[in-house]
């Protein structure tokens, strides 16, 4: 069975891929910078959420 961490990893991967394609199609430098910032925030937020949830389970 797929647990919460694996579902979050899959969701982040899908969002990353879809938004990367959309950003590449647009191709404007400002869009690339905004995409990069959004991905850092998304990934960092996901890591923090998963790590905090793991500590509560201990």
N, C-alpha and C. Protein backbone atom coordinates (compact mmCIF):
# COMPACT_ATOMS: atom_id res chain seq x y z
N UNK A 1 0.83 -1.18 0.00
CA UNK A 1 0.00 0.00 0.00
C UNK A 1 0.88 1.25 0.00
N UNK A 2 0.39 2.30 -0.61
CA UNK A 2 1.14 3.55 -0.70
C UNK A 2 0.82 4.41 0.51
N UNK A 3 1.88 4.84 1.22
CA UNK A 3 1.65 5.67 2.41
C UNK A 3 1.63 7.15 2.04
N UNK A 4 1.43 7.97 3.05
CA UNK A 4 1.29 9.42 2.85
C UNK A 4 2.53 10.04 2.21
N UNK A 5 3.70 9.64 2.65
CA UNK A 5 4.95 10.19 2.12
C UNK A 5 5.10 9.87 0.64
N UNK A 6 4.77 8.66 0.25
CA UNK A 6 4.88 8.29 -1.16
C UNK A 6 3.87 9.03 -2.02
N UNK A 7 2.67 9.25 -1.49
CA UNK A 7 1.66 10.02 -2.24
C UNK A 7 2.12 11.47 -2.42
N UNK A 8 2.68 12.06 -1.37
CA UNK A 8 3.19 13.43 -1.47
C UNK A 8 4.35 13.52 -2.47
N UNK A 9 5.22 12.52 -2.46
CA UNK A 9 6.33 12.50 -3.41
C UNK A 9 5.82 12.42 -4.84
N UNK A 10 4.84 11.58 -5.07
CA UNK A 10 4.25 11.46 -6.40
C UNK A 10 3.58 12.77 -6.81
N UNK A 11 2.85 13.39 -5.90
CA UNK A 11 2.17 14.65 -6.22
C UNK A 11 3.17 15.75 -6.55
N UNK A 12 4.24 15.86 -5.78
CA UNK A 12 5.27 16.88 -6.05
C UNK A 12 5.92 16.61 -7.39
N UNK A 13 6.19 15.36 -7.71
CA UNK A 13 6.80 15.00 -8.98
C UNK A 13 5.90 15.37 -10.16
N UNK A 14 4.62 15.09 -10.03
CA UNK A 14 3.68 15.41 -11.10
C UNK A 14 3.56 16.93 -11.27
N UNK A 15 3.42 17.64 -10.17
CA UNK A 15 3.34 19.11 -10.25
C UNK A 15 4.61 19.67 -10.87
N UNK A 16 5.76 19.16 -10.46
CA UNK A 16 7.04 19.61 -11.00
C UNK A 16 7.08 19.41 -12.52
N UNK A 17 6.72 18.22 -12.97
CA UNK A 17 6.77 17.91 -14.40
C UNK A 17 5.81 18.74 -15.23
N UNK A 18 4.59 18.86 -14.76
CA UNK A 18 3.57 19.62 -15.52
C UNK A 18 3.95 21.10 -15.59
N UNK A 19 4.35 21.65 -14.47
CA UNK A 19 4.71 23.07 -14.47
C UNK A 19 6.01 23.33 -15.22
N UNK A 20 6.91 22.35 -15.23
CA UNK A 20 8.15 22.50 -16.01
C UNK A 20 7.84 22.58 -17.49
N UNK A 21 6.96 21.72 -17.96
CA UNK A 21 6.58 21.74 -19.38
C UNK A 21 5.91 23.07 -19.72
N UNK A 22 4.99 23.52 -18.87
CA UNK A 22 4.30 24.78 -19.12
C UNK A 22 5.29 25.95 -19.13
N UNK A 23 6.25 25.93 -18.23
CA UNK A 23 7.25 26.99 -18.17
C UNK A 23 8.14 26.96 -19.40
N UNK A 24 8.52 25.79 -19.85
CA UNK A 24 9.35 25.67 -21.04
C UNK A 24 8.62 26.16 -22.29
N UNK A 25 7.32 25.92 -22.35
CA UNK A 25 6.53 26.39 -23.49
C UNK A 25 6.50 27.92 -23.52
N UNK A 26 6.29 28.53 -22.36
CA UNK A 26 6.26 29.99 -22.28
C UNK A 26 7.65 30.56 -22.58
N UNK A 27 8.65 30.06 -21.89
CA UNK A 27 10.03 30.40 -22.17
C UNK A 27 10.51 31.77 -21.75
N UNK A 28 9.70 32.56 -21.10
CA UNK A 28 10.11 33.89 -20.67
C UNK A 28 10.99 33.77 -19.42
N UNK A 29 12.08 34.55 -19.34
CA UNK A 29 12.99 34.43 -18.19
C UNK A 29 12.31 34.67 -16.84
N UNK A 30 11.40 35.62 -16.77
CA UNK A 30 10.71 35.89 -15.51
C UNK A 30 9.88 34.68 -15.08
N UNK A 31 9.26 34.01 -16.02
CA UNK A 31 8.48 32.81 -15.71
C UNK A 31 9.39 31.72 -15.16
N UNK A 32 10.60 31.59 -15.72
CA UNK A 32 11.55 30.60 -15.21
C UNK A 32 11.94 30.90 -13.77
N UNK A 33 12.17 32.16 -13.46
CA UNK A 33 12.56 32.53 -12.09
C UNK A 33 11.40 32.26 -11.12
N UNK A 34 10.20 32.66 -11.52
CA UNK A 34 9.04 32.41 -10.66
C UNK A 34 8.79 30.92 -10.47
N UNK A 35 8.98 30.14 -11.53
CA UNK A 35 8.81 28.69 -11.43
C UNK A 35 9.83 28.10 -10.44
N UNK A 36 11.08 28.55 -10.56
CA UNK A 36 12.13 28.04 -9.67
C UNK A 36 11.81 28.35 -8.21
N UNK A 37 11.38 29.57 -7.94
CA UNK A 37 11.04 29.95 -6.57
C UNK A 37 9.86 29.11 -6.07
N UNK A 38 8.86 28.95 -6.90
CA UNK A 38 7.69 28.15 -6.51
C UNK A 38 8.08 26.70 -6.21
N UNK A 39 8.98 26.13 -6.98
CA UNK A 39 9.38 24.74 -6.75
C UNK A 39 10.19 24.61 -5.47
N UNK A 40 11.01 25.60 -5.16
CA UNK A 40 11.76 25.57 -3.90
C UNK A 40 10.80 25.63 -2.72
N UNK A 41 9.81 26.51 -2.80
CA UNK A 41 8.82 26.63 -1.72
C UNK A 41 8.00 25.35 -1.60
N UNK A 42 7.55 24.82 -2.72
CA UNK A 42 6.74 23.59 -2.70
C UNK A 42 7.54 22.42 -2.12
N UNK A 43 8.74 22.23 -2.60
CA UNK A 43 9.55 21.10 -2.13
C UNK A 43 9.94 21.27 -0.67
N UNK A 44 10.36 22.47 -0.30
CA UNK A 44 10.73 22.73 1.09
C UNK A 44 9.56 22.55 2.03
N UNK A 45 8.40 23.06 1.63
CA UNK A 45 7.21 22.90 2.46
C UNK A 45 6.81 21.45 2.63
N UNK A 46 6.94 20.69 1.56
CA UNK A 46 6.61 19.27 1.63
C UNK A 46 7.58 18.53 2.56
N UNK A 47 8.86 18.83 2.44
CA UNK A 47 9.85 18.18 3.31
C UNK A 47 9.60 18.52 4.79
N UNK A 48 9.31 19.76 5.07
CA UNK A 48 9.03 20.16 6.45
C UNK A 48 7.79 19.45 6.98
N UNK A 49 6.74 19.41 6.16
CA UNK A 49 5.50 18.75 6.59
C UNK A 49 5.72 17.27 6.86
N UNK A 50 6.46 16.60 6.00
CA UNK A 50 6.71 15.17 6.19
C UNK A 50 7.57 14.93 7.42
N UNK A 51 8.60 15.74 7.60
CA UNK A 51 9.48 15.55 8.76
C UNK A 51 8.76 15.83 10.07
N UNK A 52 7.90 16.81 10.09
CA UNK A 52 7.14 17.09 11.32
C UNK A 52 6.15 15.97 11.61
N UNK A 53 5.52 15.44 10.57
CA UNK A 53 4.58 14.33 10.76
C UNK A 53 5.31 13.08 11.27
N UNK A 54 6.51 12.83 10.76
CA UNK A 54 7.29 11.66 11.20
C UNK A 54 7.67 11.78 12.67
N UNK A 55 7.98 12.97 13.12
CA UNK A 55 8.38 13.14 14.53
C UNK A 55 7.20 12.93 15.48
N UNK A 56 6.00 13.26 15.03
CA UNK A 56 4.82 13.04 15.86
C UNK A 56 4.52 11.57 16.02
N UNK A 57 4.91 10.76 15.01
CA UNK A 57 4.63 9.32 15.03
C UNK A 57 5.57 8.57 15.97
N UNK A 58 6.69 9.16 16.34
CA UNK A 58 7.67 8.45 17.17
C UNK A 58 7.23 8.29 18.59
